[in-house]
N, C-alpha and C. Protein backbone atom coordinates (compact mmCIF):
# COMPACT_ATOMS: atom_id res chain seq x y z
N MET A 1 -10.13 -10.43 12.69
CA MET A 1 -8.87 -9.45 12.00
C MET A 1 -9.49 -9.76 10.24
N SER A 2 -10.02 -10.57 9.87
CA SER A 2 -9.98 -10.30 8.46
C SER A 2 -11.37 -9.04 8.13
N THR A 3 -12.28 -8.80 8.99
CA THR A 3 -13.01 -7.87 8.72
C THR A 3 -12.28 -6.59 8.86
N ALA A 4 -11.43 -6.39 9.73
CA ALA A 4 -10.32 -5.20 9.77
C ALA A 4 -9.41 -5.16 8.54
N VAL A 5 -9.00 -6.18 7.82
CA VAL A 5 -8.37 -6.15 7.02
C VAL A 5 -9.29 -5.47 5.53
N VAL A 6 -10.55 -5.87 5.33
CA VAL A 6 -11.55 -5.64 4.36
C VAL A 6 -12.04 -4.30 4.64
N ILE A 7 -11.64 -3.76 5.73
CA ILE A 7 -11.85 -1.99 5.65
C ILE A 7 -10.58 -1.22 5.40
N ILE A 8 -9.75 -1.87 6.02
CA ILE A 8 -8.09 -1.06 6.26
C ILE A 8 -7.60 -0.92 4.50
N VAL A 9 -7.61 -1.90 4.24
CA VAL A 9 -6.82 -2.19 2.93
C VAL A 9 -7.56 -1.34 1.68
N PRO A 10 -9.08 -1.30 1.56
CA PRO A 10 -9.69 -0.63 0.51
C PRO A 10 -9.48 1.28 0.89
N TYR A 11 -9.36 1.60 2.25
CA TYR A 11 -9.36 2.78 2.83
C TYR A 11 -7.99 3.31 2.29
N ILE A 12 -6.85 2.61 2.73
CA ILE A 12 -5.72 3.19 2.19
C ILE A 12 -5.66 3.17 0.77
N LEU A 13 -5.78 2.43 -0.10
CA LEU A 13 -5.69 2.54 -1.60
C LEU A 13 -6.84 3.56 -2.03
N ILE A 14 -8.01 3.61 -1.43
CA ILE A 14 -8.59 4.72 -1.87
C ILE A 14 -8.27 6.38 -1.51
N LYS A 15 -7.17 6.35 -0.54
CA LYS A 15 -6.56 7.42 0.05
C LYS A 15 -5.40 7.84 -0.89
N LEU A 16 -4.99 6.87 -1.67
CA LEU A 16 -3.51 7.20 -2.25
C LEU A 16 -3.80 8.26 -3.36
N PRO A 17 -2.95 9.16 -3.53
CA PRO A 17 -3.08 10.38 -4.34
C PRO A 17 -2.90 9.54 -5.63
N VAL A 18 -3.49 9.92 -6.75
CA VAL A 18 -3.54 9.38 -8.24
C VAL A 18 -2.28 9.41 -8.69
N ASP A 19 -1.55 10.22 -8.41
CA ASP A 19 0.26 10.10 -8.84
C ASP A 19 1.12 9.43 -7.88
N TYR A 20 0.44 8.85 -7.05
CA TYR A 20 1.41 8.33 -5.94
C TYR A 20 2.56 7.49 -6.75
N PHE A 21 2.35 6.72 -7.79
CA PHE A 21 3.23 5.64 -8.52
C PHE A 21 4.01 6.30 -9.72
N THR A 22 3.46 7.85 -9.87
CA THR A 22 4.67 8.30 -10.94
C THR A 22 6.01 8.93 -10.76
N HIS A 23 6.46 8.72 -9.57
CA HIS A 23 7.85 9.22 -9.20
C HIS A 23 8.54 8.23 -8.46
N LYS A 24 9.97 8.38 -8.88
CA LYS A 24 10.76 7.34 -8.59
C LYS A 24 10.82 7.12 -6.74
N LYS A 25 10.84 8.42 -6.34
CA LYS A 25 10.86 8.55 -5.10
C LYS A 25 9.61 9.04 -4.56
N ASN A 26 9.30 8.74 -3.20
CA ASN A 26 8.24 9.29 -2.29
C ASN A 26 8.63 9.65 -0.90
N ILE A 27 8.42 11.09 -0.66
CA ILE A 27 8.86 11.43 0.65
C ILE A 27 7.29 11.55 1.15
N GLY A 28 6.96 11.10 2.24
CA GLY A 28 5.62 10.76 3.26
C GLY A 28 5.50 11.94 3.97
N ILE A 29 4.46 12.37 4.58
CA ILE A 29 4.21 13.48 5.24
C ILE A 29 4.83 13.05 6.87
N ILE A 30 5.10 11.99 7.28
CA ILE A 30 5.69 11.32 8.47
C ILE A 30 6.95 11.80 8.63
N ASN A 31 7.55 12.19 7.61
CA ASN A 31 9.38 12.58 7.64
C ASN A 31 9.42 13.89 8.02
N LYS A 32 8.18 14.66 7.74
CA LYS A 32 8.22 16.13 8.02
C LYS A 32 7.61 16.60 9.28
N LEU A 33 7.32 15.66 10.17
CA LEU A 33 7.01 15.74 11.68
C LEU A 33 8.33 15.84 12.57
N ASP A 34 7.99 16.62 13.72
CA ASP A 34 9.24 16.84 14.50
C ASP A 34 9.42 15.47 15.24
N PHE A 35 10.81 15.27 15.85
CA PHE A 35 10.83 14.51 16.92
C PHE A 35 10.04 14.40 18.00
N PRO A 36 9.50 13.65 18.86
CA PRO A 36 9.28 12.09 18.54
C PRO A 36 8.33 11.54 17.67
N TYR A 37 7.58 12.44 17.26
CA TYR A 37 6.08 12.08 16.72
C TYR A 37 6.61 11.18 15.19
N ASN A 38 7.45 11.80 14.81
CA ASN A 38 7.91 11.04 13.47
C ASN A 38 8.32 9.49 13.56
N HIS A 39 8.97 9.26 14.88
CA HIS A 39 9.27 7.79 15.05
C HIS A 39 8.46 6.86 15.91
N ILE A 40 7.42 7.80 16.56
CA ILE A 40 6.42 6.89 16.84
C ILE A 40 5.19 6.44 15.89
N LEU A 41 4.81 7.45 14.88
CA LEU A 41 4.31 7.16 13.86
C LEU A 41 5.10 6.04 13.03
N THR A 42 6.08 6.35 12.67
CA THR A 42 6.75 5.43 11.82
C THR A 42 6.92 3.66 12.22
N GLY A 43 6.92 3.88 13.62
CA GLY A 43 6.71 2.46 14.26
C GLY A 43 5.51 1.95 14.32
N LEU A 44 4.52 2.90 14.41
CA LEU A 44 3.14 2.27 14.15
C LEU A 44 2.70 1.86 12.71
N LYS A 45 3.59 2.82 11.79
CA LYS A 45 3.07 2.38 10.69
C LYS A 45 3.91 0.98 10.12
N ASN A 46 4.95 0.64 10.72
CA ASN A 46 5.78 -0.43 10.39
C ASN A 46 5.08 -1.46 11.13
N GLY A 47 4.66 -1.68 12.02
CA GLY A 47 3.61 -2.60 12.65
C GLY A 47 2.38 -3.02 11.99
N ALA A 48 1.77 -1.79 11.67
CA ALA A 48 0.62 -2.13 10.97
C ALA A 48 0.95 -2.77 9.37
N GLY A 49 1.96 -2.29 8.67
CA GLY A 49 2.59 -3.05 7.54
C GLY A 49 2.69 -4.62 7.91
N ILE A 50 3.62 -4.88 8.79
CA ILE A 50 3.92 -5.98 9.19
C ILE A 50 2.62 -7.00 9.35
N VAL A 51 1.77 -6.40 9.92
CA VAL A 51 0.42 -7.37 10.10
C VAL A 51 -0.29 -7.46 8.87
N LEU A 52 -0.67 -6.55 7.90
CA LEU A 52 -0.89 -6.77 6.83
C LEU A 52 -0.16 -7.62 5.90
N VAL A 53 1.09 -7.44 5.88
CA VAL A 53 1.97 -8.61 4.84
C VAL A 53 1.62 -9.93 5.52
N SER A 54 1.54 -10.40 6.85
CA SER A 54 1.52 -11.40 7.36
C SER A 54 -0.01 -12.12 7.18
N PHE A 55 -1.05 -11.36 7.07
CA PHE A 55 -2.45 -11.53 6.81
C PHE A 55 -2.51 -11.86 5.48
N GLY A 56 -1.80 -11.14 4.83
CA GLY A 56 -1.82 -11.27 3.24
C GLY A 56 -1.33 -12.64 2.79
N ILE A 57 -0.32 -13.05 3.52
CA ILE A 57 0.42 -14.36 3.03
C ILE A 57 -0.87 -15.25 3.33
N LEU A 58 -1.56 -15.22 4.43
CA LEU A 58 -2.42 -16.18 4.96
C LEU A 58 -3.55 -16.16 3.88
N LEU A 59 -3.63 -14.97 3.34
CA LEU A 59 -5.03 -14.74 2.43
C LEU A 59 -4.65 -15.65 0.86
N LEU A 60 -3.33 -15.79 0.79
CA LEU A 60 -3.02 -16.65 -0.62
C LEU A 60 -3.61 -18.10 -0.34
N PHE A 61 -3.51 -18.43 0.73
CA PHE A 61 -4.26 -20.14 0.69
C PHE A 61 -5.50 -20.03 1.04
N ILE A 62 -6.58 -18.97 1.30
CA ILE A 62 -7.81 -19.05 1.67
C ILE A 62 -8.23 -18.00 0.67
N PRO A 63 -9.68 -18.02 0.32
CA PRO A 63 -10.14 -16.97 -0.32
C PRO A 63 -9.88 -15.63 0.12
N GLY A 64 -9.54 -14.75 -0.54
CA GLY A 64 -9.29 -13.22 0.15
C GLY A 64 -8.44 -12.63 -1.21
N GLN A 65 -8.02 -11.30 -1.29
CA GLN A 65 -7.23 -10.50 -2.07
C GLN A 65 -5.96 -10.76 -1.23
N GLY A 66 -5.18 -11.61 -1.24
CA GLY A 66 -3.83 -11.77 -0.81
C GLY A 66 -2.98 -10.75 -1.16
N LEU A 67 -2.77 -10.63 -2.48
CA LEU A 67 -1.41 -10.06 -3.07
C LEU A 67 -1.82 -8.45 -2.63
N VAL A 68 -3.31 -8.12 -3.04
CA VAL A 68 -3.23 -6.81 -2.61
C VAL A 68 -3.22 -6.47 -1.10
N THR A 69 -3.17 -7.27 -0.55
CA THR A 69 -3.03 -6.99 1.08
C THR A 69 -1.68 -7.08 1.43
N ILE A 70 -0.97 -7.70 0.88
CA ILE A 70 0.71 -7.86 0.96
C ILE A 70 0.97 -6.48 0.31
N PHE A 71 0.44 -6.08 -0.81
CA PHE A 71 0.99 -4.93 -1.19
C PHE A 71 0.61 -3.70 -0.36
N THR A 72 -0.18 -3.70 -0.02
CA THR A 72 -0.67 -2.43 1.09
C THR A 72 0.09 -2.49 2.32
N GLY A 73 0.40 -3.72 2.86
CA GLY A 73 1.61 -4.04 4.01
C GLY A 73 2.61 -3.10 3.45
N ILE A 74 3.00 -3.51 2.43
CA ILE A 74 4.32 -2.91 2.02
C ILE A 74 4.44 -1.75 1.80
N MET A 75 3.67 -1.18 1.39
CA MET A 75 3.31 0.23 1.28
C MET A 75 3.37 0.96 2.71
N LEU A 76 3.19 0.29 3.38
CA LEU A 76 3.25 1.10 5.03
C LEU A 76 4.43 0.96 5.70
N MET A 77 5.11 0.05 5.46
CA MET A 77 6.62 -0.38 5.98
C MET A 77 7.54 0.81 5.42
N ASN A 78 8.79 0.72 6.16
CA ASN A 78 9.81 1.17 5.68
C ASN A 78 11.24 0.37 5.50
N PHE A 79 11.81 0.35 4.24
CA PHE A 79 12.88 -0.53 4.36
C PHE A 79 13.66 -0.24 3.07
N PRO A 80 14.79 -0.51 2.98
CA PRO A 80 15.68 -0.06 1.70
C PRO A 80 15.17 -1.06 0.61
N GLY A 81 14.86 -0.45 -0.37
CA GLY A 81 14.47 -0.81 -1.85
C GLY A 81 13.05 -0.86 -2.09
N LYS A 82 12.24 -0.09 -0.85
CA LYS A 82 11.01 -0.41 -0.92
C LYS A 82 10.05 0.35 -2.10
N ARG A 83 10.64 1.34 -2.39
CA ARG A 83 9.90 2.00 -3.58
C ARG A 83 10.17 1.16 -4.76
N LYS A 84 11.16 0.46 -4.87
CA LYS A 84 11.35 -0.28 -6.17
C LYS A 84 10.54 -1.86 -6.11
N LEU A 85 10.40 -2.08 -5.17
CA LEU A 85 9.42 -3.22 -5.04
C LEU A 85 8.15 -2.83 -5.28
N GLU A 86 7.73 -1.82 -4.67
CA GLU A 86 6.29 -1.39 -4.86
C GLU A 86 5.90 -0.90 -6.39
N LEU A 87 6.83 -0.20 -6.95
CA LEU A 87 6.65 -0.32 -8.62
C LEU A 87 6.78 -1.41 -9.38
N TYR A 88 7.41 -2.35 -8.80
CA TYR A 88 7.34 -3.58 -9.57
C TYR A 88 6.02 -4.47 -9.13
N ILE A 89 5.53 -4.39 -8.19
CA ILE A 89 4.44 -4.96 -7.81
C ILE A 89 3.12 -4.32 -8.40
N VAL A 90 3.16 -3.22 -8.17
CA VAL A 90 1.69 -2.38 -9.23
C VAL A 90 1.95 -2.71 -10.46
N GLY A 91 3.27 -2.73 -11.18
CA GLY A 91 3.24 -2.63 -12.54
C GLY A 91 2.70 -4.24 -12.99
N LYS A 92 2.33 -5.22 -11.90
CA LYS A 92 1.85 -6.44 -12.33
C LYS A 92 0.37 -6.10 -12.60
N LYS A 93 -0.27 -6.33 -13.98
CA LYS A 93 -1.51 -6.31 -14.36
C LYS A 93 -2.85 -6.61 -13.10
N PRO A 94 -2.68 -7.90 -12.75
CA PRO A 94 -3.67 -8.27 -11.76
C PRO A 94 -3.88 -7.24 -10.40
N VAL A 95 -2.53 -6.58 -10.18
CA VAL A 95 -2.62 -5.95 -9.13
C VAL A 95 -3.10 -4.32 -9.26
N LEU A 96 -2.71 -4.32 -10.30
CA LEU A 96 -3.24 -2.58 -10.72
C LEU A 96 -4.62 -2.67 -11.07
N LYS A 97 -5.30 -3.92 -11.75
CA LYS A 97 -6.38 -3.96 -11.94
C LYS A 97 -7.41 -4.26 -10.68
N SER A 98 -6.77 -4.73 -9.42
CA SER A 98 -7.75 -4.44 -8.23
C SER A 98 -7.88 -3.56 -7.78
N ILE A 99 -6.47 -2.73 -7.49
CA ILE A 99 -6.25 -1.20 -6.95
C ILE A 99 -7.13 -0.60 -7.80
N ASN A 100 -7.40 -0.73 -9.11
CA ASN A 100 -8.22 0.54 -9.75
C ASN A 100 -9.75 0.05 -9.74
N TRP A 101 -9.99 -1.07 -9.36
CA TRP A 101 -11.46 -1.67 -9.33
C TRP A 101 -11.87 -1.09 -8.11
N ILE A 102 -11.06 -0.97 -6.83
CA ILE A 102 -11.11 -0.75 -5.64
C ILE A 102 -11.37 0.83 -5.55
N ARG A 103 -10.87 1.65 -6.21
CA ARG A 103 -10.81 2.94 -6.42
C ARG A 103 -11.92 3.41 -7.03
N GLN A 104 -12.22 2.66 -8.22
CA GLN A 104 -13.45 2.82 -9.04
C GLN A 104 -14.65 2.77 -8.43
N LYS A 105 -14.71 1.74 -7.39
CA LYS A 105 -16.00 1.62 -6.49
C LYS A 105 -16.31 2.57 -5.53
N ALA A 106 -15.01 3.45 -5.40
CA ALA A 106 -15.29 4.86 -4.48
C ALA A 106 -15.31 5.90 -5.14
N GLY A 107 -15.29 5.99 -6.55
CA GLY A 107 -15.40 6.92 -7.15
C GLY A 107 -14.44 7.75 -7.46
N LYS A 108 -13.19 7.22 -6.82
CA LYS A 108 -11.96 7.71 -7.18
C LYS A 108 -11.35 7.51 -8.82
N GLU A 109 -10.45 8.50 -9.10
CA GLU A 109 -9.82 8.49 -10.42
C GLU A 109 -8.72 7.16 -10.52
N LYS A 110 -8.75 6.40 -11.57
CA LYS A 110 -7.88 5.50 -11.78
C LYS A 110 -6.57 5.60 -11.74
N ILE A 111 -5.63 4.85 -11.27
CA ILE A 111 -4.20 4.84 -11.25
C ILE A 111 -3.72 4.56 -12.62
N SER A 112 -2.99 5.12 -13.35
CA SER A 112 -2.71 4.55 -14.90
C SER A 112 -1.18 5.01 -15.19
N ASN A 113 -0.86 5.98 -14.42
CA ASN A 113 0.64 6.55 -14.78
C ASN A 113 1.51 5.94 -13.91
N ILE A 114 2.53 4.73 -14.11
CA ILE A 114 3.64 4.26 -13.11
C ILE A 114 4.88 4.60 -13.53
N TYR A 115 5.79 4.84 -12.68
CA TYR A 115 7.17 5.12 -12.96
C TYR A 115 7.89 4.17 -13.64
N CYS A 116 8.11 4.08 -14.74
CA CYS A 116 9.29 2.74 -15.06
C CYS A 116 10.77 3.58 -15.29
N ASN A 117 11.42 2.51 -14.86
CA ASN A 117 13.14 3.03 -14.80
C ASN A 117 13.61 2.45 -16.14
């Protein structure tokens, strides 16, 4: 499981558009799909998010990037107030620094502009 997290978390963070956090609202590609595909993919995405958040909590007590894993899991899930929570978490310097470090290693542009209310 830890090997999967080491692969999945960086992959998701690398694939993020550089302007992902610059807007108050985020409309994902899944919302544009037809029924039942949007519901199936949303269920899979939420399930993956729950697994990542759970594993991230475990990583808080053992060596690993627990906060970044929890953050990635939250990004995958759908729930009321999610966007506000995402912007709050990514606004924390250690989290943003970790995300940008991963993106820099992959040759991607750093995330710098974050929407602030």
